[in-house]
Amino acid sequence: MLTLTETATTVVKTIVEQDPNTEASGLRINGEPGAPNLSVAVVAEAEAGDSVIEADGARVFLEENAAIALNDKTLDAQVGEDGAVNFAIVDNA
């Protein structure tokens, strides 16, 4: 299952808090079958079939293809001086 670094947890919470739709809001990671890229969006709630990961108040929803692709991975994040966020996926050791 996907894990989050402390930095990723903080970034996810900060991003989601900027769009306070509901208390069930989270960051949803979506993947297309066979596609190398993943998309990320803030959503009001998980969709049916999503895996839900909660870490220290941060919620990440994984669409089924994304959950398969990110199994045994860690989500990390970096925030640039301009405020831009870059997410990275790293293999667990």
PDB file of N, CA and C in Angstrom:
ATOM      1  N   MET A   1       0.836  -1.177   0.000  1.00  0.00           N
ATOM      2  CA  MET A   1       0.000   0.000   0.000  1.00  0.00           C
ATOM      3  C   MET A   1       0.884   1.245   0.000  1.00  0.00           C
ATOM      4  N   LEU A   2       0.421   2.277  -0.656  1.00  0.00           N
ATOM      5  CA  LEU A   2       1.139   3.551  -0.725  1.00  0.00           C
ATOM      6  C   LEU A   2       1.300   4.139   0.677  1.00  0.00           C
ATOM      7  N   THR A   3       2.490   4.657   0.948  1.00  0.00           N
ATOM      8  CA  THR A   3       2.735   5.393   2.187  1.00  0.00           C
ATOM      9  C   THR A   3       3.105   6.825   1.824  1.00  0.00           C
ATOM     10  N   LEU A   4       3.019   7.720   2.777  1.00  0.00           N
ATOM     11  CA  LEU A   4       3.345   9.125   2.562  1.00  0.00           C
ATOM     12  C   LEU A   4       4.482   9.540   3.475  1.00  0.00           C
ATOM     13  N   THR A   5       5.406  10.336   2.934  1.00  0.00           N
ATOM     14  CA  THR A   5       6.436  10.908   3.789  1.00  0.00           C
ATOM     15  C   THR A   5       5.791  12.013   4.625  1.00  0.00           C
ATOM     16  N   GLU A   6       6.510  12.464   5.622  1.00  0.00           N
ATOM     17  CA  GLU A   6       6.012  13.556   6.458  1.00  0.00           C
ATOM     18  C   GLU A   6       5.756  14.805   5.621  1.00  0.00           C
ATOM     19  N   THR A   7       6.660  15.086   4.678  1.00  0.00           N
ATOM     20  CA  THR A   7       6.499  16.257   3.814  1.00  0.00           C
ATOM     21  C   THR A   7       5.267  16.111   2.934  1.00  0.00           C
ATOM     22  N   ALA A   8       5.072  14.938   2.348  1.00  0.00           N
ATOM     23  CA  ALA A   8       3.902  14.711   1.496  1.00  0.00           C
ATOM     24  C   ALA A   8       2.618  14.853   2.309  1.00  0.00           C
ATOM     25  N   THR A   9       2.623  14.352   3.520  1.00  0.00           N
ATOM     26  CA  THR A   9       1.449  14.465   4.386  1.00  0.00           C
ATOM     27  C   THR A   9       1.100  15.927   4.616  1.00  0.00           C
ATOM     28  N   THR A  10       2.087  16.731   4.931  1.00  0.00           N
ATOM     29  CA  THR A  10       1.870  18.164   5.172  1.00  0.00           C
ATOM     30  C   THR A  10       1.373  18.854   3.913  1.00  0.00           C
ATOM     31  N   VAL A  11       1.972  18.552   2.759  1.00  0.00           N
ATOM     32  CA  VAL A  11       1.584  19.183   1.499  1.00  0.00           C
ATOM     33  C   VAL A  11       0.155  18.793   1.123  1.00  0.00           C
ATOM     34  N   VAL A  12      -0.192  17.529   1.251  1.00  0.00           N
ATOM     35  CA  VAL A  12      -1.541  17.081   0.918  1.00  0.00           C
ATOM     36  C   VAL A  12      -2.559  17.802   1.798  1.00  0.00           C
ATOM     37  N   LYS A  13      -2.313  17.867   3.095  1.00  0.00           N
ATOM     38  CA  LYS A  13      -3.237  18.562   3.998  1.00  0.00           C
ATOM     39  C   LYS A  13      -3.376  20.034   3.603  1.00  0.00           C
ATOM     40  N   THR A  14      -2.273  20.683   3.293  1.00  0.00           N
ATOM     41  CA  THR A  14      -2.291  22.099   2.924  1.00  0.00           C
ATOM     42  C   THR A  14      -3.075  22.326   1.640  1.00  0.00           C
ATOM     43  N   ILE A  15      -2.863  21.485   0.642  1.00  0.00           N
ATOM     44  CA  ILE A  15      -3.576  21.626  -0.632  1.00  0.00           C
ATOM     45  C   ILE A  15      -5.068  21.404  -0.438  1.00  0.00           C
ATOM     46  N   VAL A  16      -5.425  20.353   0.260  1.00  0.00           N
ATOM     47  CA  VAL A  16      -6.841  20.019   0.445  1.00  0.00           C
ATOM     48  C   VAL A  16      -7.548  21.090   1.269  1.00  0.00           C
ATOM     49  N   GLU A  17      -6.887  21.646   2.265  1.00  0.00           N
ATOM     50  CA  GLU A  17      -7.495  22.683   3.114  1.00  0.00           C
ATOM     51  C   GLU A  17      -7.813  23.950   2.332  1.00  0.00           C
ATOM     52  N   GLN A  18      -7.167  24.173   1.192  1.00  0.00           N
ATOM     53  CA  GLN A  18      -7.436  25.359   0.376  1.00  0.00           C
ATOM     54  C   GLN A  18      -8.749  25.231  -0.383  1.00  0.00           C
ATOM     55  N   ASP A  19      -9.301  24.041  -0.471  1.00  0.00           N
ATOM     56  CA  ASP A  19     -10.559  23.784  -1.165  1.00  0.00           C
ATOM     57  C   ASP A  19     -11.486  23.025  -0.223  1.00  0.00           C
ATOM     58  N   PRO A  20     -12.002  23.717   0.790  1.00  0.00           N
ATOM     59  CA  PRO A  20     -12.765  23.033   1.838  1.00  0.00           C
ATOM     60  C   PRO A  20     -14.193  22.662   1.415  1.00  0.00           C
ATOM     61  N   ASN A  21     -14.334  21.738   0.450  1.00  0.00           N
ATOM     62  CA  ASN A  21     -15.665  21.312   0.000  1.00  0.00           C
ATOM     63  C   ASN A  21     -16.419  20.617   1.120  1.00  0.00           C
ATOM     64  N   THR A  22     -15.785  19.617   1.681  1.00  0.00           N
ATOM     65  CA  THR A  22     -16.409  18.865   2.768  1.00  0.00           C
ATOM     66  C   THR A  22     -15.310  18.356   3.680  1.00  0.00           C
ATOM     67  N   GLU A  23     -15.728  17.789   4.768  1.00  0.00           N
ATOM     68  CA  GLU A  23     -14.747  17.201   5.675  1.00  0.00           C
ATOM     69  C   GLU A  23     -14.157  15.927   5.105  1.00  0.00           C
ATOM     70  N   ALA A  24     -14.749  15.393   4.038  1.00  0.00           N
ATOM     71  CA  ALA A  24     -14.276  14.151   3.424  1.00  0.00           C
ATOM     72  C   ALA A  24     -13.344  14.407   2.246  1.00  0.00           C
ATOM     73  N   SER A  25     -12.969  15.671   2.007  1.00  0.00           N
ATOM     74  CA  SER A  25     -12.108  16.007   0.867  1.00  0.00           C
ATOM     75  C   SER A  25     -10.756  15.328   0.973  1.00  0.00           C
ATOM     76  N   GLY A  26     -10.156  15.126  -0.190  1.00  0.00           N
ATOM     77  CA  GLY A  26      -8.834  14.533  -0.227  1.00  0.00           C
ATOM     78  C   GLY A  26      -8.190  14.729  -1.584  1.00  0.00           C
ATOM     79  N   LEU A  27      -7.000  14.220  -1.719  1.00  0.00           N
ATOM     80  CA  LEU A  27      -6.255  14.276  -2.976  1.00  0.00           C
ATOM     81  C   LEU A  27      -6.463  12.944  -3.676  1.00  0.00           C
ATOM     82  N   ARG A  28      -6.998  12.977  -4.897  1.00  0.00           N
ATOM     83  CA  ARG A  28      -7.275  11.730  -5.634  1.00  0.00           C
ATOM     84  C   ARG A  28      -6.214  11.546  -6.710  1.00  0.00           C
ATOM     85  N   ILE A  29      -5.639  10.346  -6.725  1.00  0.00           N
ATOM     86  CA  ILE A  29      -4.666   9.977  -7.742  1.00  0.00           C
ATOM     87  C   ILE A  29      -5.349   9.000  -8.683  1.00  0.00           C
ATOM     88  N   ASN A  30      -5.335   9.337  -9.966  1.00  0.00           N
ATOM     89  CA  ASN A  30      -6.013   8.551 -10.982  1.00  0.00           C
ATOM     90  C   ASN A  30      -4.986   8.023 -11.973  1.00  0.00           C
ATOM     91  N   GLY A  31      -5.174   6.799 -12.403  1.00  0.00           N
ATOM     92  CA  GLY A  31      -4.290   6.207 -13.405  1.00  0.00           C
ATOM     93  C   GLY A  31      -5.104   5.544 -14.495  1.00  0.00           C
ATOM     94  N   GLU A  32      -4.616   5.614 -15.718  1.00  0.00           N
ATOM     95  CA  GLU A  32      -5.260   4.946 -16.844  1.00  0.00           C
ATOM     96  C   GLU A  32      -4.535   3.633 -17.091  1.00  0.00           C
ATOM     97  N   PRO A  33      -5.253   2.585 -17.443  1.00  0.00           N
ATOM     98  CA  PRO A  33      -4.600   1.291 -17.685  1.00  0.00           C
ATOM     99  C   PRO A  33      -3.496   1.411 -18.741  1.00  0.00           C
ATOM    100  N   GLY A  34      -2.311   0.956 -18.390  1.00  0.00           N
ATOM    101  CA  GLY A  34      -1.183   0.955 -19.313  1.00  0.00           C
ATOM    102  C   GLY A  34      -0.513   2.301 -19.530  1.00  0.00           C
ATOM    103  N   ALA A  35      -1.050   3.363 -18.976  1.00  0.00           N
ATOM    104  CA  ALA A  35      -0.453   4.697 -19.152  1.00  0.00           C
ATOM    105  C   ALA A  35       0.602   4.931 -18.076  1.00  0.00           C
ATOM    106  N   PRO A  36       1.725   5.576 -18.447  1.00  0.00           N
ATOM    107  CA  PRO A  36       2.799   5.783 -17.467  1.00  0.00           C
ATOM    108  C   PRO A  36       2.553   6.938 -16.502  1.00  0.00           C
ATOM    109  N   ASN A  37       1.629   7.830 -16.825  1.00  0.00           N
ATOM    110  CA  ASN A  37       1.410   9.016 -16.002  1.00  0.00           C
ATOM    111  C   ASN A  37       0.193   8.865 -15.115  1.00  0.00           C
ATOM    112  N   LEU A  38       0.234   9.564 -13.994  1.00  0.00           N
ATOM    113  CA  LEU A  38      -0.876   9.618 -13.058  1.00  0.00           C
ATOM    114  C   LEU A  38      -1.359  11.055 -12.978  1.00  0.00           C
ATOM    115  N   SER A  39      -2.648  11.245 -12.741  1.00  0.00           N
ATOM    116  CA  SER A  39      -3.160  12.594 -12.544  1.00  0.00           C
ATOM    117  C   SER A  39      -3.586  12.760 -11.091  1.00  0.00           C
ATOM    118  N   VAL A  40      -3.538  13.996 -10.624  1.00  0.00           N
ATOM    119  CA  VAL A  40      -3.837  14.306  -9.227  1.00  0.00           C
ATOM    120  C   VAL A  40      -4.828  15.460  -9.196  1.00  0.00           C
ATOM    121  N   ALA A  41      -5.847  15.348  -8.343  1.00  0.00           N
ATOM    122  CA  ALA A  41      -6.822  16.423  -8.189  1.00  0.00           C
ATOM    123  C   ALA A  41      -7.391  16.397  -6.778  1.00  0.00           C
ATOM    124  N   VAL A  42      -7.807  17.557  -6.296  1.00  0.00           N
ATOM    125  CA  VAL A  42      -8.509  17.642  -5.023  1.00  0.00           C
ATOM    126  C   VAL A  42      -9.979  17.343  -5.320  1.00  0.00           C
ATOM    127  N   VAL A  43     -10.552  16.423  -4.559  1.00  0.00           N
ATOM    128  CA  VAL A  43     -11.952  16.035  -4.750  1.00  0.00           C
ATOM    129  C   VAL A  43     -12.687  16.080  -3.413  1.00  0.00           C
ATOM    130  N   ALA A  44     -14.008  16.181  -3.504  1.00  0.00           N
ATOM    131  CA  ALA A  44     -14.832  16.301  -2.306  1.00  0.00           C
ATOM    132  C   ALA A  44     -14.902  15.008  -1.512  1.00  0.00           C
ATOM    133  N   GLU A  45     -14.802  13.871  -2.207  1.00  0.00           N
ATOM    134  CA  GLU A  45     -14.865  12.580  -1.522  1.00  0.00           C
ATOM    135  C   GLU A  45     -14.321  11.494  -2.431  1.00  0.00           C
ATOM    136  N   ALA A  46     -14.041  10.355  -1.838  1.00  0.00           N
ATOM    137  CA  ALA A  46     -13.566   9.203  -2.601  1.00  0.00           C
ATOM    138  C   ALA A  46     -14.687   8.699  -3.500  1.00  0.00           C
ATOM    139  N   GLU A  47     -14.304   8.136  -4.634  1.00  0.00           N
ATOM    140  CA  GLU A  47     -15.272   7.506  -5.520  1.00  0.00           C
ATOM    141  C   GLU A  47     -15.387   6.034  -5.163  1.00  0.00           C
ATOM    142  N   ALA A  48     -16.472   5.412  -5.586  1.00  0.00           N
ATOM    143  CA  ALA A  48     -16.671   3.985  -5.344  1.00  0.00           C
ATOM    144  C   ALA A  48     -15.485   3.230  -5.931  1.00  0.00           C
ATOM    145  N   GLY A  49     -14.919   2.321  -5.147  1.00  0.00           N
ATOM    146  CA  GLY A  49     -13.791   1.524  -5.604  1.00  0.00           C
ATOM    147  C   GLY A  49     -12.434   2.108  -5.276  1.00  0.00           C
ATOM    148  N   ASP A  50     -12.389   3.363  -4.825  1.00  0.00           N
ATOM    149  CA  ASP A  50     -11.114   3.982  -4.458  1.00  0.00           C
ATOM    150  C   ASP A  50     -10.559   3.359  -3.182  1.00  0.00           C
ATOM    151  N   SER A  51      -9.253   3.236  -3.116  1.00  0.00           N
ATOM    152  CA  SER A  51      -8.576   2.906  -1.867  1.00  0.00           C
ATOM    153  C   SER A  51      -8.334   4.222  -1.143  1.00  0.00           C
ATOM    154  N   VAL A  52      -8.554   4.239   0.151  1.00  0.00           N
ATOM    155  CA  VAL A  52      -8.390   5.464   0.928  1.00  0.00           C
ATOM    156  C   VAL A  52      -7.215   5.298   1.870  1.00  0.00           C
ATOM    157  N   ILE A  53      -6.286   6.247   1.783  1.00  0.00           N
ATOM    158  CA  ILE A  53      -5.115   6.242   2.652  1.00  0.00           C
ATOM    159  C   ILE A  53      -5.183   7.499   3.504  1.00  0.00           C
ATOM    160  N   GLU A  54      -5.093   7.326   4.808  1.00  0.00           N
ATOM    161  CA  GLU A  54      -5.083   8.462   5.715  1.00  0.00           C
ATOM    162  C   GLU A  54      -3.795   8.435   6.511  1.00  0.00           C
ATOM    163  N   ALA A  55      -3.142   9.587   6.552  1.00  0.00           N
ATOM    164  CA  ALA A  55      -1.893   9.709   7.300  1.00  0.00           C
ATOM    165  C   ALA A  55      -1.889  11.058   8.003  1.00  0.00           C
ATOM    166  N   ASP A  56      -2.000  11.039   9.297  1.00  0.00           N
ATOM    167  CA  ASP A  56      -1.913  12.261  10.103  1.00  0.00           C
ATOM    168  C   ASP A  56      -2.885  13.337   9.635  1.00  0.00           C
ATOM    169  N   GLY A  57      -4.090  12.949   9.239  1.00  0.00           N
ATOM    170  CA  GLY A  57      -5.096  13.903   8.799  1.00  0.00           C
ATOM    171  C   GLY A  57      -5.110  14.169   7.306  1.00  0.00           C
ATOM    172  N   ALA A  58      -4.137  13.661   6.573  1.00  0.00           N
ATOM    173  CA  ALA A  58      -4.116  13.805   5.113  1.00  0.00           C
ATOM    174  C   ALA A  58      -4.824  12.607   4.502  1.00  0.00           C
ATOM    175  N   ARG A  59      -5.728  12.879   3.537  1.00  0.00           N
ATOM    176  CA  ARG A  59      -6.434  11.801   2.860  1.00  0.00           C
ATOM    177  C   ARG A  59      -6.032  11.753   1.390  1.00  0.00           C
ATOM    178  N   VAL A  60      -5.674  10.552   0.943  1.00  0.00           N
ATOM    179  CA  VAL A  60      -5.351  10.309  -0.456  1.00  0.00           C
ATOM    180  C   VAL A  60      -6.258   9.189  -0.937  1.00  0.00           C
ATOM    181  N   PHE A  61      -6.925   9.443  -2.058  1.00  0.00           N
ATOM    182  CA  PHE A  61      -7.807   8.457  -2.666  1.00  0.00           C
ATOM    183  C   PHE A  61      -7.117   7.911  -3.905  1.00  0.00           C
ATOM    184  N   LEU A  62      -7.019   6.599  -3.985  1.00  0.00           N
ATOM    185  CA  LEU A  62      -6.352   5.964  -5.122  1.00  0.00           C
ATOM    186  C   LEU A  62      -7.376   5.238  -5.978  1.00  0.00           C
ATOM    187  N   GLU A  63      -7.513   5.682  -7.215  1.00  0.00           N
ATOM    188  CA  GLU A  63      -8.329   4.979  -8.192  1.00  0.00           C
ATOM    189  C   GLU A  63      -7.706   3.597  -8.374  1.00  0.00           C
ATOM    190  N   GLU A  64      -8.464   2.613  -8.800  1.00  0.00           N
ATOM    191  CA  GLU A  64      -8.008   1.225  -8.827  1.00  0.00           C
ATOM    192  C   GLU A  64      -6.690   1.028  -9.575  1.00  0.00           C
ATOM    193  N   ASN A  65      -6.533   1.619 -10.759  1.00  0.00           N
ATOM    194  CA  ASN A  65      -5.286   1.474 -11.512  1.00  0.00           C
ATOM    195  C   ASN A  65      -4.113   2.136 -10.798  1.00  0.00           C
ATOM    196  N   ALA A  66      -4.376   3.278 -10.178  1.00  0.00           N
ATOM    197  CA  ALA A  66      -3.333   3.970  -9.430  1.00  0.00           C
ATOM    198  C   ALA A  66      -2.929   3.155  -8.206  1.00  0.00           C
ATOM    199  N   ALA A  67      -3.908   2.537  -7.545  1.00  0.00           N
ATOM    200  CA  ALA A  67      -3.600   1.717  -6.367  1.00  0.00           C
ATOM    201  C   ALA A  67      -2.683   0.554  -6.740  1.00  0.00           C
ATOM    202  N   ILE A  68      -2.929  -0.050  -7.890  1.00  0.00           N
ATOM    203  CA  ILE A  68      -2.074  -1.153  -8.345  1.00  0.00           C
ATOM    204  C   ILE A  68      -0.676  -0.647  -8.658  1.00  0.00           C
ATOM    205  N   ALA A  69      -0.593   0.477  -9.379  1.00  0.00           N
ATOM    206  CA  ALA A  69       0.704   1.028  -9.775  1.00  0.00           C
ATOM    207  C   ALA A  69       1.521   1.509  -8.581  1.00  0.00           C
ATOM    208  N   LEU A  70       0.846   1.963  -7.528  1.00  0.00           N
ATOM    209  CA  LEU A  70       1.545   2.558  -6.389  1.00  0.00           C
ATOM    210  C   LEU A  70       1.678   1.620  -5.201  1.00  0.00           C
ATOM    211  N   ASN A  71       1.308   0.376  -5.367  1.00  0.00           N
ATOM    212  CA  ASN A  71       1.457  -0.588  -4.289  1.00  0.00           C
ATOM    213  C   ASN A  71       2.938  -0.689  -3.913  1.00  0.00           C
ATOM    214  N   ASP A  72       3.230  -0.657  -2.638  1.00  0.00           N
ATOM    215  CA  ASP A  72       4.609  -0.719  -2.129  1.00  0.00           C
ATOM    216  C   ASP A  72       5.471   0.452  -2.591  1.00  0.00           C
ATOM    217  N   LYS A  73       4.867   1.636  -2.726  1.00  0.00           N
ATOM    218  CA  LYS A  73       5.592   2.860  -3.080  1.00  0.00           C
ATOM    219  C   LYS A  73       5.371   3.894  -1.976  1.00  0.00           C
ATOM    220  N   THR A  74       6.163   4.950  -2.027  1.00  0.00           N
ATOM    221  CA  THR A  74       6.034   6.063  -1.090  1.00  0.00           C
ATOM    222  C   THR A  74       5.847   7.351  -1.876  1.00  0.00           C
ATOM    223  N   LEU A  75       4.893   8.172  -1.448  1.00  0.00           N
ATOM    224  CA  LEU A  75       4.662   9.474  -2.045  1.00  0.00           C
ATOM    225  C   LEU A  75       5.465  10.505  -1.269  1.00  0.00           C
ATOM    226  N   ASP A  76       6.280  11.257  -1.996  1.00  0.00           N
ATOM    227  CA  ASP A  76       7.048  12.343  -1.388  1.00  0.00           C
ATOM    228  C   ASP A  76       6.655  13.635  -2.097  1.00  0.00           C
ATOM    229  N   ALA A  77       6.998  14.771  -1.522  1.00  0.00           N
ATOM    230  CA  ALA A  77       6.667  16.061  -2.116  1.00  0.00           C
ATOM    231  C   ALA A  77       7.757  17.071  -1.802  1.00  0.00           C
ATOM    232  N   GLN A  78       7.904  17.999  -2.723  1.00  0.00           N
ATOM    233  CA  GLN A  78       8.808  19.129  -2.524  1.00  0.00           C
ATOM    234  C   GLN A  78       8.057  20.388  -2.916  1.00  0.00           C
ATOM    235  N   VAL A  79       8.295  21.472  -2.180  1.00  0.00           N
ATOM    236  CA  VAL A  79       7.686  22.752  -2.484  1.00  0.00           C
ATOM    237  C   VAL A  79       8.808  23.704  -2.871  1.00  0.00           C
ATOM    238  N   GLY A  80       8.723  24.247  -4.084  1.00  0.00           N
ATOM    239  CA  GLY A  80       9.736  25.175  -4.574  1.00  0.00           C
ATOM    240  C   GLY A  80       9.584  26.547  -3.953  1.00  0.00           C
ATOM    241  N   GLU A  81      10.573  27.386  -4.165  1.00  0.00           N
ATOM    242  CA  GLU A  81      10.538  28.747  -3.623  1.00  0.00           C
ATOM    243  C   GLU A  81       9.351  29.534  -4.163  1.00  0.00           C
ATOM    244  N   ASP A  82       8.894  29.181  -5.363  1.00  0.00           N
ATOM    245  CA  ASP A  82       7.746  29.861  -5.966  1.00  0.00           C
ATOM    246  C   ASP A  82       6.411  29.269  -5.515  1.00  0.00           C
ATOM    247  N   GLY A  83       6.467  28.258  -4.631  1.00  0.00           N
ATOM    248  CA  GLY A  83       5.257  27.639  -4.115  1.00  0.00           C
ATOM    249  C   GLY A  83       4.759  26.460  -4.925  1.00  0.00           C
ATOM    250  N   ALA A  84       5.436  26.164  -6.036  1.00  0.00           N
ATOM    251  CA  ALA A  84       5.031  25.026  -6.866  1.00  0.00           C
ATOM    252  C   ALA A  84       5.332  23.716  -6.141  1.00  0.00           C
ATOM    253  N   VAL A  85       4.416  22.781  -6.258  1.00  0.00           N
ATOM    254  CA  VAL A  85       4.556  21.481  -5.605  1.00  0.00           C
ATOM    255  C   VAL A  85       4.935  20.439  -6.635  1.00  0.00           C
ATOM    256  N   ASN A  86       5.918  19.635  -6.295  1.00  0.00           N
ATOM    257  CA  ASN A  86       6.316  18.503  -7.124  1.00  0.00           C
ATOM    258  C   ASN A  86       6.194  17.242  -6.272  1.00  0.00           C
ATOM    259  N   PHE A  87       5.387  16.305  -6.782  1.00  0.00           N
ATOM    260  CA  PHE A  87       5.269  15.026  -6.114  1.00  0.00           C
ATOM    261  C   PHE A  87       6.226  14.044  -6.765  1.00  0.00           C
ATOM    262  N   ALA A  88       6.725  13.115  -5.962  1.00  0.00           N
ATOM    263  CA  ALA A  88       7.606  12.062  -6.462  1.00  0.00           C
ATOM    264  C   ALA A  88       7.159  10.748  -5.856  1.00  0.00           C
ATOM    265  N   ILE A  89       7.277   9.709  -6.654  1.00  0.00           N
ATOM    266  CA  ILE A  89       6.968   8.358  -6.199  1.00  0.00           C
ATOM    267  C   ILE A  89       8.292   7.613  -6.100  1.00  0.00           C
ATOM    268  N   VAL A  90       8.560   7.045  -4.938  1.00  0.00           N
ATOM    269  CA  VAL A  90       9.797   6.295  -4.751  1.00  0.00           C
ATOM    270  C   VAL A  90       9.465   4.875  -4.309  1.00  0.00           C
ATOM    271  N   ASP A  91      10.317   3.938  -4.724  1.00  0.00           N
ATOM    272  CA  ASP A  91      10.146   2.547  -4.326  1.00  0.00           C
ATOM    273  C   ASP A  91      10.475   2.399  -2.854  1.00  0.00           C
ATOM    274  N   ASN A  92       9.712   1.565  -2.168  1.00  0.00           N
ATOM    275  CA  ASN A  92      10.048   1.231  -0.786  1.00  0.00           C
ATOM    276  C   ASN A  92      11.223   0.280  -0.794  1.00  0.00           C
ATOM    277  N   ALA A  93      12.090   0.434   0.166  1.00  0.00           N
ATOM    278  CA  ALA A  93      13.277  -0.425   0.235  1.00  0.00           C
ATOM    279  C   ALA A  93      12.941  -1.829   0.640  1.00  0.00           C
TER     280      ALA A  93
END
